[in-house]
C-alpha atoms as a PDB file:
ATOM      1  CA  THR A   1      -0.072  -0.022  -0.077  1.00  0.00           C
ATOM      2  CA  TYR A   2       2.856   2.402   0.632  1.00  0.00           C
ATOM      3  CA  LEU A   3       4.061   1.988  -2.704  1.00  0.00           C
ATOM      4  CA  PHE A   4       0.720   2.613  -4.215  1.00  0.00           C
ATOM      5  CA  ARG A   5       0.251   5.685  -2.063  1.00  0.00           C
ATOM      6  CA  GLN A   6       3.724   7.075  -3.292  1.00  0.00           C
ATOM      7  CA  ILE A   7       2.704   6.543  -6.932  1.00  0.00           C
ATOM      8  CA  LYS A   8      -0.515   8.380  -6.235  1.00  0.00           C
ATOM      9  CA  TYR A   9       1.058  11.343  -4.919  1.00  0.00           C
ATOM     10  CA  ILE A  10       4.112  11.588  -7.171  1.00  0.00           C
ATOM     11  CA  LYS A  11       2.177  10.880 -10.243  1.00  0.00           C
ATOM     12  CA  PRO A  12       4.986   9.732 -12.216  1.00  0.00           C
ATOM     13  CA  GLN A  13       4.490   9.911 -16.042  1.00  0.00           C
ATOM     14  CA  LEU A  14       6.504   6.433 -16.775  1.00  0.00           C
ATOM     15  CA  ILE A  15       7.831   3.762 -14.703  1.00  0.00           C
ATOM     16  CA  LEU A  16      10.741   1.305 -15.366  1.00  0.00           C
ATOM     17  CA  ALA A  17      10.226  -1.569 -12.992  1.00  0.00           C
ATOM     18  CA  LEU A  18      13.219  -3.901 -12.448  1.00  0.00           C
ATOM     19  CA  GLY A  19      12.966  -7.331 -11.441  1.00  0.00           C
ATOM     20  CA  PHE A  20      10.558 -10.261 -10.900  1.00  0.00           C
ATOM     21  CA  THR A  21       8.698  -8.955  -8.252  1.00  0.00           C
ATOM     22  CA  PRO A  22       7.033  -5.697  -9.811  1.00  0.00           C
ATOM     23  CA  PRO A  23       4.839  -7.569 -12.301  1.00  0.00           C
ATOM     24  CA  LYS A  24       3.340  -9.616  -9.327  1.00  0.00           C
ATOM     25  CA  VAL A  25       2.689  -6.294  -7.630  1.00  0.00           C
ATOM     26  CA  PHE A  26       1.416  -4.599 -10.563  1.00  0.00           C
ATOM     27  CA  LEU A  27      -0.099  -6.906 -12.776  1.00  0.00           C
ATOM     28  CA  GLU A  28      -3.172  -9.171 -11.736  1.00  0.00           C
ATOM     29  CA  ASN A  29      -2.531 -11.916 -14.419  1.00  0.00           C
ATOM     30  CA  LYS A  30       0.007 -14.393 -13.911  1.00  0.00           C
ATOM     31  CA  PHE A  31       2.432 -13.858 -16.795  1.00  0.00           C
ATOM     32  CA  THR A  32       5.885 -15.359 -17.314  1.00  0.00           C
ATOM     33  CA  PHE A  33       8.460 -12.643 -17.017  1.00  0.00           C
ATOM     34  CA  SER A  34       9.765 -13.165 -20.611  1.00  0.00           C
ATOM     35  CA  SER A  35       6.406 -12.688 -22.019  1.00  0.00           C
ATOM     36  CA  ILE A  36       5.921  -9.137 -20.460  1.00  0.00           C
ATOM     37  CA  ARG A  37       9.546  -8.110 -20.406  1.00  0.00           C
ATOM     38  CA  GLY A  38      10.002  -4.963 -22.643  1.00  0.00           C
ATOM     39  CA  LYS A  39       6.224  -4.475 -23.220  1.00  0.00           C
ATOM     40  CA  LEU A  40       4.499  -1.354 -22.184  1.00  0.00           C
ATOM     41  CA  PHE A  41       1.414  -1.990 -19.848  1.00  0.00           C
ATOM     42  CA  LYS A  42      -0.650   0.741 -18.026  1.00  0.00           C
ATOM     43  CA  ILE A  43      -1.232   0.622 -14.219  1.00  0.00           C
ATOM     44  CA  LYS A  44      -3.693   2.423 -12.057  1.00  0.00           C
ATOM     45  CA  GLY A  45      -4.169   5.915 -13.173  1.00  0.00           C
ATOM     46  CA  ASN A  46      -3.181   5.171 -16.797  1.00  0.00           C
ATOM     47  CA  ILE A  47       0.654   5.259 -15.886  1.00  0.00           C
ATOM     48  CA  PRO A  48       2.861   3.470 -18.407  1.00  0.00           C
ATOM     49  CA  ILE A  49       5.078   0.973 -16.845  1.00  0.00           C
ATOM     50  CA  LEU A  50       7.874  -1.039 -18.382  1.00  0.00           C
ATOM     51  CA  PHE A  51       9.201  -4.288 -16.962  1.00  0.00           C
ATOM     52  CA  THR A  52      12.969  -5.453 -17.456  1.00  0.00           C
ATOM     53  CA  TYR A  53      15.439  -7.646 -15.714  1.00  0.00           C
ATOM     54  CA  HIS A  54      17.188  -6.527 -12.506  1.00  0.00           C
ATOM     55  CA  PRO A  55      20.698  -5.435 -12.909  1.00  0.00           C
ATOM     56  CA  ASN A  56      21.710  -8.167 -10.429  1.00  0.00           C
ATOM     57  CA  TYR A  57      20.078 -10.764 -12.490  1.00  0.00           C
ATOM     58  CA  MET A  58      21.871  -9.451 -15.328  1.00  0.00           C
ATOM     59  CA  LEU A  59      25.343  -9.986 -13.888  1.00  0.00           C
ATOM     60  CA  LYS A  60      24.451 -13.439 -12.863  1.00  0.00           C
ATOM     61  CA  ASN A  61      23.071 -14.144 -16.540  1.00  0.00           C
ATOM     62  CA  PRO A  62      25.230 -12.106 -18.877  1.00  0.00           C
ATOM     63  CA  ALA A  63      23.263 -13.613 -21.957  1.00  0.00           C
ATOM     64  CA  ILE A  64      20.430 -11.297 -21.051  1.00  0.00           C
ATOM     65  CA  LYS A  65      22.447  -8.204 -21.378  1.00  0.00           C
ATOM     66  CA  ARG A  66      21.463  -7.479 -24.985  1.00  0.00           C
ATOM     67  CA  LEU A  67      17.534  -7.768 -23.798  1.00  0.00           C
ATOM     68  CA  VAL A  68      18.244  -5.336 -21.011  1.00  0.00           C
ATOM     69  CA  TRP A  69      19.804  -2.845 -23.377  1.00  0.00           C
ATOM     70  CA  GLU A  70      16.964  -3.098 -25.758  1.00  0.00           C
ATOM     71  CA  ASP A  71      14.387  -2.357 -23.028  1.00  0.00           C
ATOM     72  CA  LEU A  72      16.671   0.762 -21.823  1.00  0.00           C
ATOM     73  CA  GLN A  73      16.408   1.926 -25.321  1.00  0.00           C
ATOM     74  CA  THR A  74      12.712   1.331 -25.436  1.00  0.00           C
ATOM     75  CA  PHE A  75      12.343   3.253 -22.152  1.00  0.00           C
ATOM     76  CA  ARG A  76      14.457   6.162 -23.350  1.00  0.00           C
ATOM     77  CA  ARG A  77      12.448   6.530 -26.547  1.00  0.00           C
ATOM     78  CA  LEU A  78       9.230   6.480 -24.473  1.00  0.00           C
ATOM     79  CA  TYR A  79      10.785   9.056 -22.120  1.00  0.00           C
ATOM     80  CA  GLU A  80      11.672  11.458 -24.924  1.00  0.00           C
ATOM     81  CA  GLU A  81       8.016  11.071 -26.384  1.00  0.00           C
ATOM     82  CA  ILE A  82       6.485  12.052 -23.058  1.00  0.00           C
ATOM     83  CA  PHE A  83       8.729  14.752 -22.138  1.00  0.00           C
ATOM     84  CA  LYS A  84       9.597  16.168 -25.573  1.00  0.00           C
ATOM     85  CA  GLY A  85       7.203  19.178 -25.132  1.00  0.00           C
ATOM     86  CA  SER A  86       8.347  19.947 -21.615  1.00  0.00           C
END
């Protein structure tokens, strides 16, 4: 509840969620992480959220570095689209 209250008060325009826990918190359906990674979802308040691997997981599994890099590029593109006019 604390996290949801913070999101309500801060009103972020975009969220990058790292690791396997955030999808369990934000999404009601039980997805496999690989099926939602890198895809844009909307949470309460119509806030866009992008899920990717946690950096610690990446260090343990160097093969996913490319996937994380692609997700970060997607996040940056979304960020620039949102804040271009600001």
